[in-house]
């Protein structure tokens, strides 16, 4: 039997990845801790799938505790339509704020 703690997901990619910028794998949001460039050989990354992270926010205010979503541009919004569920706003963010604390996959 193989067992893991479940808060780190192995992820292989040939795409460019930036540390701290969310990656979507299926319905799971992961946060990489390293930056990689686009390449021809796959790179194995560890994505954090639990925790609270400061993420880039799009325009609009977000209430603490609100469900939040990730846009195709990798920005957090409070609008579900056309976006990927990211988690819960761990803190409130005013319209002018550029980041928001998010508990991912909550």
N, C-alpha and C. Protein backbone atom coordinates (compact mmCIF):
# COMPACT_ATOMS: atom_id res chain seq x y z
N UNK A 1 0.85 -1.19 0.00
CA UNK A 1 0.00 0.00 0.00
C UNK A 1 0.89 1.24 0.00
N UNK A 2 0.54 2.19 -0.83
CA UNK A 2 1.27 3.45 -0.91
C UNK A 2 0.39 4.55 -0.35
N UNK A 3 0.94 5.35 0.55
CA UNK A 3 0.15 6.40 1.19
C UNK A 3 0.93 7.71 1.17
N UNK A 4 0.20 8.81 0.96
CA UNK A 4 0.80 10.14 0.97
C UNK A 4 -0.07 11.06 1.79
N UNK A 5 0.50 12.15 2.25
CA UNK A 5 -0.24 13.10 3.07
C UNK A 5 -1.36 13.79 2.29
N UNK A 6 -1.18 14.00 1.00
CA UNK A 6 -2.26 14.54 0.18
C UNK A 6 -2.27 16.04 0.00
N UNK A 7 -1.26 16.74 0.46
CA UNK A 7 -1.26 18.19 0.26
C UNK A 7 -0.26 18.63 -0.82
N UNK A 8 0.46 17.70 -1.39
CA UNK A 8 1.36 17.97 -2.50
C UNK A 8 0.97 17.05 -3.66
N UNK A 9 0.82 17.64 -4.85
CA UNK A 9 0.51 16.86 -6.05
C UNK A 9 1.70 16.91 -6.99
N UNK A 10 2.16 15.74 -7.43
CA UNK A 10 3.19 15.69 -8.47
C UNK A 10 2.55 16.11 -9.79
N UNK A 11 3.27 16.92 -10.54
CA UNK A 11 2.72 17.44 -11.80
C UNK A 11 3.84 17.53 -12.83
N UNK A 12 3.66 16.85 -13.95
CA UNK A 12 4.64 16.90 -15.04
C UNK A 12 4.13 17.83 -16.12
N UNK A 13 5.02 18.71 -16.60
CA UNK A 13 4.62 19.65 -17.64
C UNK A 13 5.81 20.03 -18.51
N UNK A 14 5.51 20.44 -19.72
CA UNK A 14 6.51 21.04 -20.59
C UNK A 14 6.22 22.54 -20.73
N UNK A 15 5.15 23.02 -20.10
CA UNK A 15 4.78 24.43 -20.15
C UNK A 15 5.62 25.26 -19.19
N UNK A 16 5.69 26.55 -19.43
CA UNK A 16 6.32 27.47 -18.50
C UNK A 16 5.43 27.60 -17.26
N UNK A 17 6.03 27.57 -16.09
CA UNK A 17 5.31 27.68 -14.82
C UNK A 17 6.04 28.71 -13.97
N UNK A 18 5.28 29.57 -13.29
CA UNK A 18 5.87 30.59 -12.43
C UNK A 18 5.55 30.28 -10.97
N UNK A 19 6.56 30.30 -10.13
CA UNK A 19 6.37 30.06 -8.70
C UNK A 19 5.30 31.01 -8.16
N UNK A 20 4.37 30.45 -7.39
CA UNK A 20 3.33 31.25 -6.76
C UNK A 20 2.12 31.55 -7.62
N UNK A 21 2.18 31.21 -8.90
CA UNK A 21 1.05 31.44 -9.81
C UNK A 21 0.28 30.13 -9.96
N UNK A 22 -1.02 30.14 -9.68
CA UNK A 22 -1.80 28.90 -9.68
C UNK A 22 -1.74 28.13 -10.99
N UNK A 23 -1.77 26.81 -10.86
CA UNK A 23 -1.85 25.88 -11.98
C UNK A 23 -3.11 25.05 -11.75
N UNK A 24 -3.89 24.84 -12.79
CA UNK A 24 -5.11 24.02 -12.67
C UNK A 24 -4.83 22.65 -13.27
N UNK A 25 -5.09 21.62 -12.47
CA UNK A 25 -4.95 20.23 -12.92
C UNK A 25 -6.31 19.59 -12.72
N UNK A 26 -7.04 19.41 -13.81
CA UNK A 26 -8.42 18.92 -13.70
C UNK A 26 -9.26 19.94 -12.96
N UNK A 27 -9.76 19.58 -11.77
CA UNK A 27 -10.54 20.49 -10.94
C UNK A 27 -9.78 20.95 -9.71
N UNK A 28 -8.47 20.72 -9.69
CA UNK A 28 -7.65 21.05 -8.52
C UNK A 28 -6.74 22.22 -8.85
N UNK A 29 -6.66 23.18 -7.93
CA UNK A 29 -5.74 24.30 -8.06
C UNK A 29 -4.50 23.97 -7.25
N UNK A 30 -3.33 24.13 -7.87
CA UNK A 30 -2.07 23.88 -7.20
C UNK A 30 -1.17 25.09 -7.31
N UNK A 31 -0.32 25.26 -6.30
CA UNK A 31 0.61 26.39 -6.29
C UNK A 31 2.03 25.84 -6.37
N UNK A 32 2.76 26.11 -7.46
CA UNK A 32 4.14 25.65 -7.57
C UNK A 32 5.07 26.54 -6.75
N UNK A 33 6.17 25.96 -6.26
CA UNK A 33 7.13 26.76 -5.51
C UNK A 33 8.39 27.04 -6.32
N UNK A 34 8.41 26.63 -7.58
CA UNK A 34 9.54 26.91 -8.46
C UNK A 34 9.04 27.42 -9.80
N UNK A 35 9.92 28.10 -10.52
CA UNK A 35 9.63 28.59 -11.86
C UNK A 35 10.36 27.72 -12.86
N UNK A 36 9.66 27.33 -13.94
CA UNK A 36 10.29 26.56 -15.01
C UNK A 36 9.96 27.22 -16.34
N UNK A 37 10.83 27.03 -17.29
CA UNK A 37 10.61 27.55 -18.63
C UNK A 37 9.98 26.48 -19.50
N UNK A 38 9.35 26.91 -20.57
CA UNK A 38 8.77 25.97 -21.54
C UNK A 38 9.91 25.15 -22.13
N UNK A 39 9.68 23.86 -22.26
CA UNK A 39 10.72 22.99 -22.80
C UNK A 39 10.14 21.81 -23.55
N UNK A 40 11.01 20.99 -24.08
CA UNK A 40 10.57 19.81 -24.81
C UNK A 40 10.52 18.58 -23.90
N UNK A 41 11.30 18.60 -22.83
CA UNK A 41 11.31 17.50 -21.87
C UNK A 41 10.41 17.84 -20.69
N UNK A 42 9.57 16.93 -20.25
CA UNK A 42 8.71 17.20 -19.10
C UNK A 42 9.53 17.47 -17.83
N UNK A 43 9.03 18.39 -17.02
CA UNK A 43 9.62 18.71 -15.73
C UNK A 43 8.63 18.28 -14.66
N UNK A 44 9.12 17.60 -13.62
CA UNK A 44 8.27 17.18 -12.51
C UNK A 44 8.27 18.27 -11.45
N UNK A 45 7.07 18.77 -11.14
CA UNK A 45 6.91 19.81 -10.13
C UNK A 45 6.08 19.29 -8.97
N UNK A 46 6.25 19.91 -7.83
CA UNK A 46 5.40 19.66 -6.67
C UNK A 46 4.46 20.85 -6.52
N UNK A 47 3.16 20.58 -6.55
CA UNK A 47 2.16 21.64 -6.39
C UNK A 47 1.51 21.52 -5.03
N UNK A 48 1.51 22.60 -4.26
CA UNK A 48 0.77 22.62 -2.99
C UNK A 48 -0.72 22.69 -3.33
N UNK A 49 -1.51 21.81 -2.71
CA UNK A 49 -2.95 21.78 -2.97
C UNK A 49 -3.77 22.15 -1.74
N UNK A 50 -3.09 22.51 -0.66
CA UNK A 50 -3.74 22.97 0.57
C UNK A 50 -2.97 24.16 1.10
N UNK A 51 -3.66 25.02 1.82
CA UNK A 51 -3.01 26.16 2.44
C UNK A 51 -3.63 27.46 2.01
N UNK A 52 -3.10 28.54 2.59
CA UNK A 52 -3.57 29.88 2.29
C UNK A 52 -2.45 30.61 1.56
N UNK A 53 -2.79 31.18 0.40
CA UNK A 53 -1.80 31.83 -0.46
C UNK A 53 -2.29 33.22 -0.85
N UNK A 54 -1.35 34.14 -0.98
CA UNK A 54 -1.66 35.48 -1.49
C UNK A 54 -1.62 35.40 -3.01
N UNK A 55 -2.79 35.59 -3.63
CA UNK A 55 -2.91 35.44 -5.08
C UNK A 55 -3.35 36.75 -5.73
N UNK A 56 -2.99 36.92 -6.99
CA UNK A 56 -3.36 38.12 -7.74
C UNK A 56 -4.87 38.15 -7.93
N UNK A 57 -5.45 39.32 -7.66
CA UNK A 57 -6.90 39.50 -7.75
C UNK A 57 -7.23 40.39 -8.94
N UNK A 58 -8.34 40.09 -9.59
CA UNK A 58 -8.86 40.93 -10.66
C UNK A 58 -9.61 42.09 -10.00
N UNK A 59 -10.26 42.92 -10.79
CA UNK A 59 -11.03 44.03 -10.24
C UNK A 59 -12.23 43.52 -9.47
N UNK A 60 -12.77 44.34 -8.61
CA UNK A 60 -13.94 43.98 -7.82
C UNK A 60 -13.56 43.59 -6.41
N UNK A 61 -14.42 43.95 -5.48
CA UNK A 61 -14.21 43.60 -4.08
C UNK A 61 -14.56 42.14 -3.84
N UNK A 62 -13.92 41.55 -2.85
CA UNK A 62 -14.21 40.16 -2.47
C UNK A 62 -14.39 40.13 -0.97
N UNK A 63 -15.50 39.55 -0.52
CA UNK A 63 -15.79 39.44 0.91
C UNK A 63 -15.03 38.27 1.53
N UNK A 64 -14.64 38.43 2.77
CA UNK A 64 -14.00 37.34 3.50
C UNK A 64 -14.96 36.16 3.58
N UNK A 65 -14.46 34.99 3.30
CA UNK A 65 -15.27 33.78 3.35
C UNK A 65 -16.02 33.46 2.06
N UNK A 66 -15.94 34.35 1.07
CA UNK A 66 -16.63 34.12 -0.20
C UNK A 66 -15.91 33.05 -1.02
N UNK A 67 -16.70 32.28 -1.79
CA UNK A 67 -16.09 31.37 -2.75
C UNK A 67 -15.42 32.22 -3.81
N UNK A 68 -14.22 31.79 -4.24
CA UNK A 68 -13.51 32.55 -5.26
C UNK A 68 -13.08 31.61 -6.39
N UNK A 69 -12.81 32.21 -7.53
CA UNK A 69 -12.57 31.46 -8.76
C UNK A 69 -11.34 32.01 -9.48
N UNK A 70 -10.74 31.16 -10.28
CA UNK A 70 -9.54 31.52 -11.03
C UNK A 70 -9.91 31.73 -12.49
N UNK A 71 -9.52 32.89 -13.02
CA UNK A 71 -9.79 33.19 -14.43
C UNK A 71 -8.71 32.53 -15.30
N UNK A 72 -8.92 32.57 -16.60
CA UNK A 72 -7.93 32.04 -17.54
C UNK A 72 -6.62 32.82 -17.45
N UNK A 73 -6.69 34.06 -16.98
CA UNK A 73 -5.50 34.90 -16.81
C UNK A 73 -4.82 34.67 -15.46
N UNK A 74 -5.33 33.71 -14.68
CA UNK A 74 -4.77 33.34 -13.37
C UNK A 74 -5.02 34.41 -12.30
N UNK A 75 -6.16 35.11 -12.41
CA UNK A 75 -6.55 36.11 -11.41
C UNK A 75 -7.75 35.58 -10.62
N UNK A 76 -7.83 35.97 -9.36
CA UNK A 76 -8.94 35.57 -8.50
C UNK A 76 -10.10 36.54 -8.65
N UNK A 77 -11.30 35.98 -8.78
CA UNK A 77 -12.54 36.76 -8.88
C UNK A 77 -13.62 36.06 -8.05
N UNK A 78 -14.72 36.77 -7.84
CA UNK A 78 -15.85 36.20 -7.10
C UNK A 78 -16.92 35.66 -8.04
N UNK A 79 -16.65 35.64 -9.34
CA UNK A 79 -17.61 35.21 -10.36
C UNK A 79 -17.32 33.78 -10.80
N UNK A 80 -18.32 32.91 -10.65
CA UNK A 80 -18.14 31.51 -11.01
C UNK A 80 -18.17 31.27 -12.52
N UNK A 81 -19.03 31.97 -13.22
CA UNK A 81 -19.27 31.70 -14.64
C UNK A 81 -17.99 31.82 -15.47
N UNK A 82 -17.64 30.72 -16.14
CA UNK A 82 -16.49 30.70 -17.02
C UNK A 82 -15.14 30.57 -16.32
N UNK A 83 -15.16 30.39 -15.00
CA UNK A 83 -13.92 30.32 -14.23
C UNK A 83 -13.82 29.02 -13.45
N UNK A 84 -12.65 28.72 -12.93
CA UNK A 84 -12.38 27.50 -12.17
C UNK A 84 -12.45 27.78 -10.68
N UNK A 85 -13.18 26.95 -9.94
CA UNK A 85 -13.25 27.13 -8.49
C UNK A 85 -11.85 27.05 -7.89
N UNK A 86 -11.49 28.04 -7.08
CA UNK A 86 -10.14 28.09 -6.50
C UNK A 86 -10.15 27.85 -5.00
N UNK A 87 -11.21 28.25 -4.30
CA UNK A 87 -11.25 28.08 -2.85
C UNK A 87 -12.09 29.15 -2.19
N UNK A 88 -11.62 29.62 -1.02
CA UNK A 88 -12.37 30.58 -0.21
C UNK A 88 -11.46 31.75 0.13
N UNK A 89 -12.02 32.96 0.03
CA UNK A 89 -11.26 34.16 0.41
C UNK A 89 -11.00 34.12 1.90
N UNK A 90 -9.74 34.08 2.29
CA UNK A 90 -9.36 33.99 3.70
C UNK A 90 -9.37 35.36 4.35
N UNK A 91 -9.34 36.39 3.51
CA UNK A 91 -9.43 37.77 3.98
C UNK A 91 -10.27 38.53 2.97
N UNK A 92 -10.80 39.66 3.41
CA UNK A 92 -11.54 40.52 2.49
C UNK A 92 -10.54 41.28 1.61
N UNK A 93 -10.97 41.67 0.44
CA UNK A 93 -10.15 42.47 -0.46
C UNK A 93 -11.01 43.57 -1.07
N UNK A 94 -10.54 44.80 -0.96
CA UNK A 94 -11.25 45.94 -1.54
C UNK A 94 -11.07 45.93 -3.05
N UNK A 95 -11.91 46.68 -3.73
CA UNK A 95 -11.84 46.73 -5.19
C UNK A 95 -10.45 47.14 -5.67
N UNK A 96 -9.80 48.07 -4.98
CA UNK A 96 -8.49 48.57 -5.40
C UNK A 96 -7.34 47.62 -5.06
N UNK A 97 -7.57 46.63 -4.21
CA UNK A 97 -6.51 45.68 -3.84
C UNK A 97 -6.10 44.86 -5.06
N UNK A 98 -4.83 44.53 -5.13
CA UNK A 98 -4.34 43.72 -6.26
C UNK A 98 -4.15 42.27 -5.89
N UNK A 99 -4.24 41.94 -4.60
CA UNK A 99 -4.12 40.54 -4.15
C UNK A 99 -5.18 40.23 -3.11
N UNK A 100 -5.37 38.94 -2.89
CA UNK A 100 -6.29 38.47 -1.86
C UNK A 100 -5.73 37.15 -1.30
N UNK A 101 -5.92 36.93 -0.02
CA UNK A 101 -5.50 35.68 0.60
C UNK A 101 -6.59 34.63 0.33
N UNK A 102 -6.18 33.48 -0.20
CA UNK A 102 -7.12 32.43 -0.60
C UNK A 102 -6.71 31.11 0.02
N UNK A 103 -7.67 30.45 0.67
CA UNK A 103 -7.46 29.06 1.10
C UNK A 103 -7.88 28.21 -0.10
N UNK A 104 -6.88 27.63 -0.76
CA UNK A 104 -7.16 26.92 -2.01
C UNK A 104 -7.85 25.58 -1.77
N UNK A 105 -8.70 25.22 -2.72
CA UNK A 105 -9.41 23.93 -2.73
C UNK A 105 -10.21 23.69 -1.47
N UNK A 106 -10.65 24.75 -0.82
CA UNK A 106 -11.42 24.60 0.44
C UNK A 106 -12.88 24.37 0.15
